[in-house]
């Protein structure tokens, strides 16, 4: 049985639920690296969803400001 690094669930009201799990220490290095890359991609997608939700709220409130894109390494 494989242990999941994270789970994504769509709730009854269409909300997204993210659960993150600590990987087992016995996972081979290559597999662990791939899981990290996958998790990073999921987190980046989650950030995009949060940004889009913030834009909708700011437009409704009339508080939308000019934003700068900041490179995160």
PDB file of N, CA and C in Angstrom:
ATOM      1  N   UNK A   1       0.852  -1.190   0.000  1.00  0.00           N
ATOM      2  CA  UNK A   1       0.000   0.000   0.000  1.00  0.00           C
ATOM      3  C   UNK A   1       0.887   1.239   0.000  1.00  0.00           C
ATOM      4  N   UNK A   2       0.620   2.171  -0.884  1.00  0.00           N
ATOM      5  CA  UNK A   2       1.417   3.391  -0.953  1.00  0.00           C
ATOM      6  C   UNK A   2       0.802   4.465  -0.074  1.00  0.00           C
ATOM      7  N   UNK A   3       1.675   5.211   0.561  1.00  0.00           N
ATOM      8  CA  UNK A   3       1.245   6.321   1.394  1.00  0.00           C
ATOM      9  C   UNK A   3       1.193   7.567   0.530  1.00  0.00           C
ATOM     10  N   UNK A   4       0.117   8.312   0.624  1.00  0.00           N
ATOM     11  CA  UNK A   4      -0.040   9.518  -0.171  1.00  0.00           C
ATOM     12  C   UNK A   4       0.628  10.693   0.533  1.00  0.00           C
ATOM     13  N   UNK A   5       1.280  11.538  -0.262  1.00  0.00           N
ATOM     14  CA  UNK A   5       1.889  12.743   0.280  1.00  0.00           C
ATOM     15  C   UNK A   5       0.812  13.789   0.570  1.00  0.00           C
ATOM     16  N   UNK A   6      -0.221  13.818  -0.263  1.00  0.00           N
ATOM     17  CA  UNK A   6      -1.335  14.734  -0.044  1.00  0.00           C
ATOM     18  C   UNK A   6      -2.592  14.137  -0.649  1.00  0.00           C
ATOM     19  N   UNK A   7      -3.723  14.629  -0.205  1.00  0.00           N
ATOM     20  CA  UNK A   7      -5.017  14.222  -0.740  1.00  0.00           C
ATOM     21  C   UNK A   7      -5.801  15.486  -1.070  1.00  0.00           C
ATOM     22  N   UNK A   8      -6.599  15.417  -2.109  1.00  0.00           N
ATOM     23  CA  UNK A   8      -7.495  16.515  -2.470  1.00  0.00           C
ATOM     24  C   UNK A   8      -8.897  15.935  -2.520  1.00  0.00           C
ATOM     25  N   UNK A   9      -9.809  16.610  -1.865  1.00  0.00           N
ATOM     26  CA  UNK A   9     -11.179  16.123  -1.798  1.00  0.00           C
ATOM     27  C   UNK A   9     -12.121  17.279  -2.135  1.00  0.00           C
ATOM     28  N   UNK A  10     -13.190  16.970  -2.844  1.00  0.00           N
ATOM     29  CA  UNK A  10     -14.222  17.968  -3.102  1.00  0.00           C
ATOM     30  C   UNK A  10     -15.369  17.672  -2.150  1.00  0.00           C
ATOM     31  N   UNK A  11     -15.657  18.643  -1.286  1.00  0.00           N
ATOM     32  CA  UNK A  11     -16.682  18.462  -0.269  1.00  0.00           C
ATOM     33  C   UNK A  11     -18.085  18.608  -0.823  1.00  0.00           C
ATOM     34  N   UNK A  12     -19.087  18.394   0.027  1.00  0.00           N
ATOM     35  CA  UNK A  12     -20.483  18.441  -0.411  1.00  0.00           C
ATOM     36  C   UNK A  12     -20.920  19.802  -0.942  1.00  0.00           C
ATOM     37  N   UNK A  13     -20.275  20.863  -0.475  1.00  0.00           N
ATOM     38  CA  UNK A  13     -20.612  22.208  -0.952  1.00  0.00           C
ATOM     39  C   UNK A  13     -19.626  22.695  -2.002  1.00  0.00           C
ATOM     40  N   UNK A  14     -18.943  21.747  -2.673  1.00  0.00           N
ATOM     41  CA  UNK A  14     -17.984  22.025  -3.742  1.00  0.00           C
ATOM     42  C   UNK A  14     -16.700  22.694  -3.242  1.00  0.00           C
ATOM     43  N   UNK A  15     -16.428  22.613  -1.926  1.00  0.00           N
ATOM     44  CA  UNK A  15     -15.189  23.169  -1.426  1.00  0.00           C
ATOM     45  C   UNK A  15     -14.062  22.161  -1.655  1.00  0.00           C
ATOM     46  N   UNK A  16     -12.829  22.673  -1.798  1.00  0.00           N
ATOM     47  CA  UNK A  16     -11.656  21.814  -1.957  1.00  0.00           C
ATOM     48  C   UNK A  16     -11.007  21.627  -0.592  1.00  0.00           C
ATOM     49  N   UNK A  17     -10.707  20.376  -0.249  1.00  0.00           N
ATOM     50  CA  UNK A  17     -10.054  20.059   1.021  1.00  0.00           C
ATOM     51  C   UNK A  17      -8.703  19.436   0.696  1.00  0.00           C
ATOM     52  N   UNK A  18      -7.619  20.043   1.193  1.00  0.00           N
ATOM     53  CA  UNK A  18      -6.266  19.532   0.986  1.00  0.00           C
ATOM     54  C   UNK A  18      -5.766  18.949   2.293  1.00  0.00           C
ATOM     55  N   UNK A  19      -5.235  17.731   2.236  1.00  0.00           N
ATOM     56  CA  UNK A  19      -4.611  17.089   3.393  1.00  0.00           C
ATOM     57  C   UNK A  19      -3.193  16.711   3.005  1.00  0.00           C
ATOM     58  N   UNK A  20      -2.224  17.118   3.813  1.00  0.00           N
ATOM     59  CA  UNK A  20      -0.822  16.813   3.549  1.00  0.00           C
ATOM     60  C   UNK A  20      -0.321  15.814   4.577  1.00  0.00           C
ATOM     61  N   UNK A  21       0.393  14.800   4.098  1.00  0.00           N
ATOM     62  CA  UNK A  21       0.928  13.756   4.963  1.00  0.00           C
ATOM     63  C   UNK A  21       2.447  13.736   4.868  1.00  0.00           C
ATOM     64  N   UNK A  22       3.072  13.361   5.950  1.00  0.00           N
ATOM     65  CA  UNK A  22       4.529  13.235   5.966  1.00  0.00           C
ATOM     66  C   UNK A  22       4.908  11.925   5.270  1.00  0.00           C
ATOM     67  N   UNK A  23       5.838  11.976   4.315  1.00  0.00           N
ATOM     68  CA  UNK A  23       6.224  10.735   3.623  1.00  0.00           C
ATOM     69  C   UNK A  23       7.000   9.802   4.542  1.00  0.00           C
ATOM     70  N   UNK A  24       6.889   8.521   4.278  1.00  0.00           N
ATOM     71  CA  UNK A  24       7.633   7.525   5.057  1.00  0.00           C
ATOM     72  C   UNK A  24       9.120   7.670   4.796  1.00  0.00           C
ATOM     73  N   UNK A  25       9.906   7.416   5.809  1.00  0.00           N
ATOM     74  CA  UNK A  25      11.365   7.545   5.669  1.00  0.00           C
ATOM     75  C   UNK A  25      11.955   6.428   4.818  1.00  0.00           C
ATOM     76  N   UNK A  26      11.206   5.389   4.546  1.00  0.00           N
ATOM     77  CA  UNK A  26      11.723   4.266   3.772  1.00  0.00           C
ATOM     78  C   UNK A  26      11.538   4.432   2.267  1.00  0.00           C
ATOM     79  N   UNK A  27      10.935   5.520   1.857  1.00  0.00           N
ATOM     80  CA  UNK A  27      10.716   5.763   0.427  1.00  0.00           C
ATOM     81  C   UNK A  27      12.065   6.045  -0.230  1.00  0.00           C
ATOM     82  N   UNK A  28      12.365   5.379  -1.369  1.00  0.00           N
ATOM     83  CA  UNK A  28      13.638   5.634  -2.058  1.00  0.00           C
ATOM     84  C   UNK A  28      13.783   7.106  -2.441  1.00  0.00           C
ATOM     85  N   UNK A  29      15.026   7.582  -2.495  1.00  0.00           N
ATOM     86  CA  UNK A  29      15.296   8.998  -2.776  1.00  0.00           C
ATOM     87  C   UNK A  29      14.642   9.481  -4.065  1.00  0.00           C
ATOM     88  N   UNK A  30      14.728   8.695  -5.128  1.00  0.00           N
ATOM     89  CA  UNK A  30      14.158   9.112  -6.413  1.00  0.00           C
ATOM     90  C   UNK A  30      12.639   9.276  -6.302  1.00  0.00           C
ATOM     91  N   UNK A  31      11.997   8.340  -5.626  1.00  0.00           N
ATOM     92  CA  UNK A  31      10.541   8.427  -5.447  1.00  0.00           C
ATOM     93  C   UNK A  31      10.186   9.635  -4.589  1.00  0.00           C
ATOM     94  N   UNK A  32      10.971   9.884  -3.549  1.00  0.00           N
ATOM     95  CA  UNK A  32      10.722  11.028  -2.670  1.00  0.00           C
ATOM     96  C   UNK A  32      10.859  12.333  -3.451  1.00  0.00           C
ATOM     97  N   UNK A  33      11.871  12.410  -4.319  1.00  0.00           N
ATOM     98  CA  UNK A  33      12.052  13.609  -5.142  1.00  0.00           C
ATOM     99  C   UNK A  33      10.864  13.833  -6.069  1.00  0.00           C
ATOM    100  N   UNK A  34      10.372  12.761  -6.634  1.00  0.00           N
ATOM    101  CA  UNK A  34       9.207  12.888  -7.534  1.00  0.00           C
ATOM    102  C   UNK A  34       7.968  13.322  -6.772  1.00  0.00           C
ATOM    103  N   UNK A  35       7.806  12.788  -5.554  1.00  0.00           N
ATOM    104  CA  UNK A  35       6.651  13.189  -4.744  1.00  0.00           C
ATOM    105  C   UNK A  35       6.746  14.663  -4.368  1.00  0.00           C
ATOM    106  N   UNK A  36       7.952  15.133  -4.058  1.00  0.00           N
ATOM    107  CA  UNK A  36       8.126  16.545  -3.728  1.00  0.00           C
ATOM    108  C   UNK A  36       7.779  17.429  -4.928  1.00  0.00           C
ATOM    109  N   UNK A  37       8.235  17.022  -6.114  1.00  0.00           N
ATOM    110  CA  UNK A  37       7.930  17.797  -7.322  1.00  0.00           C
ATOM    111  C   UNK A  37       6.425  17.846  -7.562  1.00  0.00           C
ATOM    112  N   UNK A  38       5.789  16.713  -7.364  1.00  0.00           N
ATOM    113  CA  UNK A  38       4.346  16.642  -7.542  1.00  0.00           C
ATOM    114  C   UNK A  38       3.634  17.529  -6.521  1.00  0.00           C
ATOM    115  N   UNK A  39       4.090  17.465  -5.274  1.00  0.00           N
ATOM    116  CA  UNK A  39       3.478  18.280  -4.219  1.00  0.00           C
ATOM    117  C   UNK A  39       3.689  19.764  -4.511  1.00  0.00           C
ATOM    118  N   UNK A  40       4.877  20.118  -5.005  1.00  0.00           N
ATOM    119  CA  UNK A  40       5.155  21.513  -5.330  1.00  0.00           C
ATOM    120  C   UNK A  40       4.185  22.001  -6.412  1.00  0.00           C
ATOM    121  N   UNK A  41       3.960  21.175  -7.428  1.00  0.00           N
ATOM    122  CA  UNK A  41       3.013  21.538  -8.487  1.00  0.00           C
ATOM    123  C   UNK A  41       1.609  21.725  -7.952  1.00  0.00           C
ATOM    124  N   UNK A  42       1.205  20.872  -7.016  1.00  0.00           N
ATOM    125  CA  UNK A  42      -0.121  20.991  -6.415  1.00  0.00           C
ATOM    126  C   UNK A  42      -0.214  22.275  -5.592  1.00  0.00           C
ATOM    127  N   UNK A  43       0.852  22.610  -4.858  1.00  0.00           N
ATOM    128  CA  UNK A  43       0.848  23.843  -4.072  1.00  0.00           C
ATOM    129  C   UNK A  43       0.794  25.077  -4.978  1.00  0.00           C
ATOM    130  N   UNK A  44       1.498  25.029  -6.103  1.00  0.00           N
ATOM    131  CA  UNK A  44       1.446  26.146  -7.049  1.00  0.00           C
ATOM    132  C   UNK A  44       0.040  26.301  -7.629  1.00  0.00           C
ATOM    133  N   UNK A  45      -0.615  25.178  -7.924  1.00  0.00           N
ATOM    134  CA  UNK A  45      -1.992  25.229  -8.418  1.00  0.00           C
ATOM    135  C   UNK A  45      -2.918  25.794  -7.336  1.00  0.00           C
ATOM    136  N   UNK A  46      -2.679  25.391  -6.084  1.00  0.00           N
ATOM    137  CA  UNK A  46      -3.478  25.902  -4.968  1.00  0.00           C
ATOM    138  C   UNK A  46      -3.293  27.414  -4.831  1.00  0.00           C
ATOM    139  N   UNK A  47      -2.053  27.892  -4.994  1.00  0.00           N
ATOM    140  CA  UNK A  47      -1.775  29.331  -4.928  1.00  0.00           C
ATOM    141  C   UNK A  47      -2.552  30.062  -6.026  1.00  0.00           C
ATOM    142  N   UNK A  48      -2.599  29.483  -7.233  1.00  0.00           N
ATOM    143  CA  UNK A  48      -3.356  30.094  -8.330  1.00  0.00           C
ATOM    144  C   UNK A  48      -4.841  30.186  -7.988  1.00  0.00           C
ATOM    145  N   UNK A  49      -5.379  29.136  -7.348  1.00  0.00           N
ATOM    146  CA  UNK A  49      -6.788  29.155  -6.946  1.00  0.00           C
ATOM    147  C   UNK A  49      -7.050  30.243  -5.908  1.00  0.00           C
ATOM    148  N   UNK A  50      -6.150  30.377  -4.935  1.00  0.00           N
ATOM    149  CA  UNK A  50      -6.303  31.409  -3.907  1.00  0.00           C
ATOM    150  C   UNK A  50      -6.228  32.793  -4.539  1.00  0.00           C
ATOM    151  N   UNK A  51      -5.267  32.998  -5.444  1.00  0.00           N
ATOM    152  CA  UNK A  51      -5.148  34.289  -6.125  1.00  0.00           C
ATOM    153  C   UNK A  51      -6.421  34.633  -6.904  1.00  0.00           C
ATOM    154  N   UNK A  52      -6.980  33.656  -7.599  1.00  0.00           N
ATOM    155  CA  UNK A  52      -8.205  33.893  -8.363  1.00  0.00           C
ATOM    156  C   UNK A  52      -9.368  34.229  -7.431  1.00  0.00           C
ATOM    157  N   UNK A  53      -9.461  33.530  -6.303  1.00  0.00           N
ATOM    158  CA  UNK A  53     -10.527  33.813  -5.338  1.00  0.00           C
ATOM    159  C   UNK A  53     -10.381  35.211  -4.757  1.00  0.00           C
ATOM    160  N   UNK A  54      -9.147  35.615  -4.467  1.00  0.00           N
ATOM    161  CA  UNK A  54      -8.902  36.970  -3.954  1.00  0.00           C
ATOM    162  C   UNK A  54      -9.310  38.038  -4.965  1.00  0.00           C
ATOM    163  N   UNK A  55      -9.036  37.797  -6.230  1.00  0.00           N
ATOM    164  CA  UNK A  55      -9.428  38.759  -7.269  1.00  0.00           C
ATOM    165  C   UNK A  55     -10.938  38.940  -7.309  1.00  0.00           C
ATOM    166  N   UNK A  56     -11.674  37.844  -7.200  1.00  0.00           N
ATOM    167  CA  UNK A  56     -13.141  37.917  -7.222  1.00  0.00           C
ATOM    168  C   UNK A  56     -13.630  38.734  -6.030  1.00  0.00           C
ATOM    169  N   UNK A  57     -13.101  38.460  -4.844  1.00  0.00           N
ATOM    170  CA  UNK A  57     -13.518  39.190  -3.646  1.00  0.00           C
ATOM    171  C   UNK A  57     -13.168  40.671  -3.768  1.00  0.00           C
ATOM    172  N   UNK A  58     -11.961  40.970  -4.230  1.00  0.00           N
ATOM    173  CA  UNK A  58     -11.538  42.366  -4.362  1.00  0.00           C
ATOM    174  C   UNK A  58     -12.385  43.120  -5.379  1.00  0.00           C
ATOM    175  N   UNK A  59     -12.768  42.465  -6.462  1.00  0.00           N
ATOM    176  CA  UNK A  59     -13.631  43.119  -7.455  1.00  0.00           C
ATOM    177  C   UNK A  59     -15.000  43.420  -6.860  1.00  0.00           C
ATOM    178  N   UNK A  60     -15.548  42.473  -6.098  1.00  0.00           N
ATOM    179  CA  UNK A  60     -16.863  42.685  -5.476  1.00  0.00           C
ATOM    180  C   UNK A  60     -16.812  43.799  -4.441  1.00  0.00           C
ATOM    181  N   UNK A  61     -15.691  43.877  -3.704  1.00  0.00           N
ATOM    182  CA  UNK A  61     -15.558  44.905  -2.672  1.00  0.00           C
ATOM    183  C   UNK A  61     -15.088  46.239  -3.238  1.00  0.00           C
ATOM    184  N   UNK A  62     -14.599  46.236  -4.462  1.00  0.00           N
ATOM    185  CA  UNK A  62     -14.051  47.443  -5.055  1.00  0.00           C
ATOM    186  C   UNK A  62     -12.704  47.814  -4.458  1.00  0.00           C
ATOM    187  N   UNK A  63     -11.983  46.831  -3.958  1.00  0.00           N
ATOM    188  CA  UNK A  63     -10.691  47.086  -3.309  1.00  0.00           C
ATOM    189  C   UNK A  63      -9.520  46.531  -4.106  1.00  0.00           C
ATOM    190  N   UNK A  64      -9.768  46.198  -5.365  1.00  0.00           N
ATOM    191  CA  UNK A  64      -8.703  45.612  -6.175  1.00  0.00           C
ATOM    192  C   UNK A  64      -7.599  46.639  -6.405  1.00  0.00           C
ATOM    193  N   UNK A  65      -6.366  46.236  -6.124  1.00  0.00           N
ATOM    194  CA  UNK A  65      -5.213  47.115  -6.273  1.00  0.00           C
ATOM    195  C   UNK A  65      -4.293  46.563  -7.336  1.00  0.00           C
ATOM    196  N   UNK A  66      -3.438  47.442  -7.848  1.00  0.00           N
ATOM    197  CA  UNK A  66      -2.397  46.981  -8.766  1.00  0.00           C
ATOM    198  C   UNK A  66      -1.457  46.085  -7.982  1.00  0.00           C
ATOM    199  N   UNK A  67      -1.152  44.929  -8.527  1.00  0.00           N
ATOM    200  CA  UNK A  67      -0.265  44.020  -7.807  1.00  0.00           C
ATOM    201  C   UNK A  67       1.000  43.781  -8.606  1.00  0.00           C
ATOM    202  N   UNK A  68       2.041  43.422  -7.877  1.00  0.00           N
ATOM    203  CA  UNK A  68       3.312  43.083  -8.497  1.00  0.00           C
ATOM    204  C   UNK A  68       3.530  41.591  -8.344  1.00  0.00           C
ATOM    205  N   UNK A  69       4.044  40.977  -9.394  1.00  0.00           N
ATOM    206  CA  UNK A  69       4.382  39.561  -9.336  1.00  0.00           C
ATOM    207  C   UNK A  69       5.763  39.447  -8.702  1.00  0.00           C
ATOM    208  N   UNK A  70       5.864  38.652  -7.651  1.00  0.00           N
ATOM    209  CA  UNK A  70       7.124  38.448  -6.941  1.00  0.00           C
ATOM    210  C   UNK A  70       7.592  37.036  -7.203  1.00  0.00           C
ATOM    211  N   UNK A  71       8.809  36.902  -7.701  1.00  0.00           N
ATOM    212  CA  UNK A  71       9.401  35.595  -7.978  1.00  0.00           C
ATOM    213  C   UNK A  71       9.764  34.909  -6.668  1.00  0.00           C
ATOM    214  N   UNK A  72       9.225  33.712  -6.455  1.00  0.00           N
ATOM    215  CA  UNK A  72       9.520  32.945  -5.246  1.00  0.00           C
ATOM    216  C   UNK A  72      10.407  31.779  -5.631  1.00  0.00           C
ATOM    217  N   UNK A  73      11.542  31.651  -4.951  1.00  0.00           N
ATOM    218  CA  UNK A  73      12.483  30.571  -5.275  1.00  0.00           C
ATOM    219  C   UNK A  73      12.446  29.499  -4.233  1.00  0.00           C
TER     220      UNK A  73
END
